[in-house]
Amino acid sequence: MSREAVLNYAKRKYDIDPDYPWAKFPKYAVLRHKKNNKWFGLLMDVDKEKLNIEGEEAVEVLNVKCDPGLASILREDSGILPAYHMNKEHWISIVLDGTLSKDEIFQLLDTSYHLTK
């Protein structure tokens, strides 16, 4: 799954354009609600070593909010990690490397959207 697919989905489903708030990290894209400005997604390229994944190159991840009980279960699956740089109880990082299907990723993004409404 590509970051473009995630951004296109957010635009199509929620009419949300990404925000790029950090000059130091120009590829970091925040998806936030129009009415309350709360985040429901964060796309980043993160070095694998920072995620405790073997390898030196960067990988695309999507952070989404998740119910804490579900998050602890999901983190046991391949492709889902404790949230990078966010509250690890309420957020998860999804590695966009093809491990999870498009439908699974979109469902988690939808859940995050509704949890942050």
Protein backbone atom coordinates (compact mmCIF):
# COMPACT_ATOMS: atom_id res chain seq x y z
CA MET A 1 0.00 0.00 0.00
CA SER A 2 1.33 3.40 -0.89
CA ARG A 3 1.02 6.66 0.97
CA GLU A 4 -0.77 8.03 -2.12
CA ALA A 5 -3.45 5.36 -1.76
CA VAL A 6 -4.02 6.39 1.87
CA LEU A 7 -4.16 10.07 0.96
CA ASN A 8 -6.53 9.40 -1.94
CA TYR A 9 -8.80 7.36 0.33
CA ALA A 10 -8.92 10.15 2.95
CA LYS A 11 -9.76 12.68 0.23
CA ARG A 12 -12.42 10.50 -1.38
CA LYS A 13 -14.10 9.32 1.84
CA TYR A 14 -13.71 12.34 4.14
CA ASP A 15 -12.78 15.21 1.79
CA ILE A 16 -9.56 15.65 3.78
CA ASP A 17 -6.35 17.01 2.31
CA PRO A 18 -3.13 16.32 4.21
CA ASP A 19 -1.37 18.94 6.27
CA TYR A 20 2.45 19.11 6.26
CA PRO A 21 3.25 20.95 9.51
CA TRP A 22 6.99 20.26 9.90
CA ALA A 23 9.60 21.86 7.65
CA LYS A 24 12.18 19.44 9.06
CA PHE A 25 10.03 16.49 7.93
CA PRO A 26 8.42 17.60 4.66
CA LYS A 27 6.99 14.13 3.85
CA TYR A 28 5.18 13.76 7.20
CA ALA A 29 1.49 14.17 6.37
CA VAL A 30 -1.15 14.77 9.03
CA LEU A 31 -4.79 13.85 8.41
CA ARG A 32 -7.03 15.91 10.63
CA HIS A 33 -10.72 16.69 11.02
CA LYS A 34 -11.90 19.93 9.51
CA LYS A 35 -14.17 20.87 12.42
CA ASN A 36 -12.07 20.06 15.49
CA ASN A 37 -8.56 19.88 13.94
CA LYS A 38 -7.87 16.57 15.73
CA TRP A 39 -5.54 14.14 14.03
CA PHE A 40 -6.80 10.77 12.87
CA GLY A 41 -3.78 9.77 10.81
CA LEU A 42 -0.11 10.53 10.45
CA LEU A 43 1.96 9.28 7.50
CA MET A 44 5.72 9.17 8.03
CA ASP A 45 8.84 7.63 6.60
CA VAL A 46 10.82 6.24 9.55
CA ASP A 47 14.13 4.43 9.70
CA LYS A 48 13.55 0.75 10.41
CA GLU A 49 16.02 0.79 13.30
CA LYS A 50 13.82 3.34 15.12
CA LEU A 51 10.93 0.89 14.86
CA ASN A 52 13.04 -2.08 15.99
CA ILE A 53 12.75 -3.64 12.53
CA GLU A 54 15.78 -5.21 10.95
CA GLY A 55 17.33 -3.06 8.23
CA GLU A 56 18.68 0.43 7.78
CA GLU A 57 16.38 1.98 5.18
CA ALA A 58 13.25 3.96 5.92
CA VAL A 59 9.76 2.50 5.72
CA GLU A 60 6.40 4.25 5.35
CA VAL A 61 4.13 4.01 8.39
CA LEU A 62 0.64 5.24 9.16
CA ASN A 63 -0.21 6.09 12.76
CA VAL A 64 -3.88 5.73 13.68
CA LYS A 65 -5.84 5.95 16.91
CA CYS A 66 -7.20 2.66 18.19
CA ASP A 67 -9.15 1.33 21.14
CA PRO A 68 -6.51 0.31 23.73
CA GLY A 69 -7.85 -3.23 24.09
CA LEU A 70 -7.83 -3.78 20.35
CA ALA A 71 -4.46 -2.08 19.97
CA SER A 72 -2.80 -4.56 22.34
CA ILE A 73 -4.19 -7.45 20.29
CA LEU A 74 -3.32 -5.89 16.92
CA ARG A 75 0.29 -5.21 17.98
CA GLU A 76 0.78 -8.97 18.12
CA ASP A 77 0.21 -9.14 14.34
CA SER A 78 2.90 -8.60 11.77
CA GLY A 79 2.82 -5.13 10.24
CA ILE A 80 1.38 -3.38 13.32
CA LEU A 81 3.67 -1.80 15.89
CA PRO A 82 3.39 0.35 18.99
CA ALA A 83 2.87 3.89 17.73
CA TYR A 84 6.02 5.68 16.72
CA HIS A 85 6.36 8.99 18.55
CA MET A 86 2.79 8.91 19.93
CA ASN A 87 0.82 7.51 22.87
CA LYS A 88 1.41 3.77 22.58
CA GLU A 89 -1.74 2.85 24.50
CA HIS A 90 -4.13 4.63 22.14
CA TRP A 91 -2.21 4.71 18.84
CA ILE A 92 -0.63 2.10 16.57
CA SER A 93 1.78 2.31 13.65
CA ILE A 94 0.87 0.38 10.53
CA VAL A 95 3.83 -0.50 8.33
CA LEU A 96 2.85 0.18 4.72
CA ASP A 97 4.87 -2.69 3.26
CA GLY A 98 2.06 -4.90 1.95
CA THR A 99 1.73 -6.98 5.12
CA LEU A 100 -1.79 -5.68 5.75
CA SER A 101 -4.38 -5.51 3.02
CA LYS A 102 -5.75 -2.25 1.70
CA ASP A 103 -9.13 -3.05 3.27
CA GLU A 104 -7.57 -3.70 6.70
CA ILE A 105 -5.65 -0.42 6.58
CA PHE A 106 -8.69 1.57 5.46
CA GLN A 107 -10.80 -0.02 8.21
CA LEU A 108 -8.23 1.03 10.84
CA LEU A 109 -8.13 4.55 9.36
CA ASP A 110 -11.95 4.71 9.48
CA THR A 111 -11.89 3.60 13.13
CA SER A 112 -9.36 6.30 13.94
CA TYR A 113 -11.49 8.90 12.17
CA HIS A 114 -14.53 7.98 14.28
CA LEU A 115 -12.57 7.76 17.56
CA THR A 116 -11.22 11.28 17.08
CA LYS A 117 -14.46 12.93 15.93
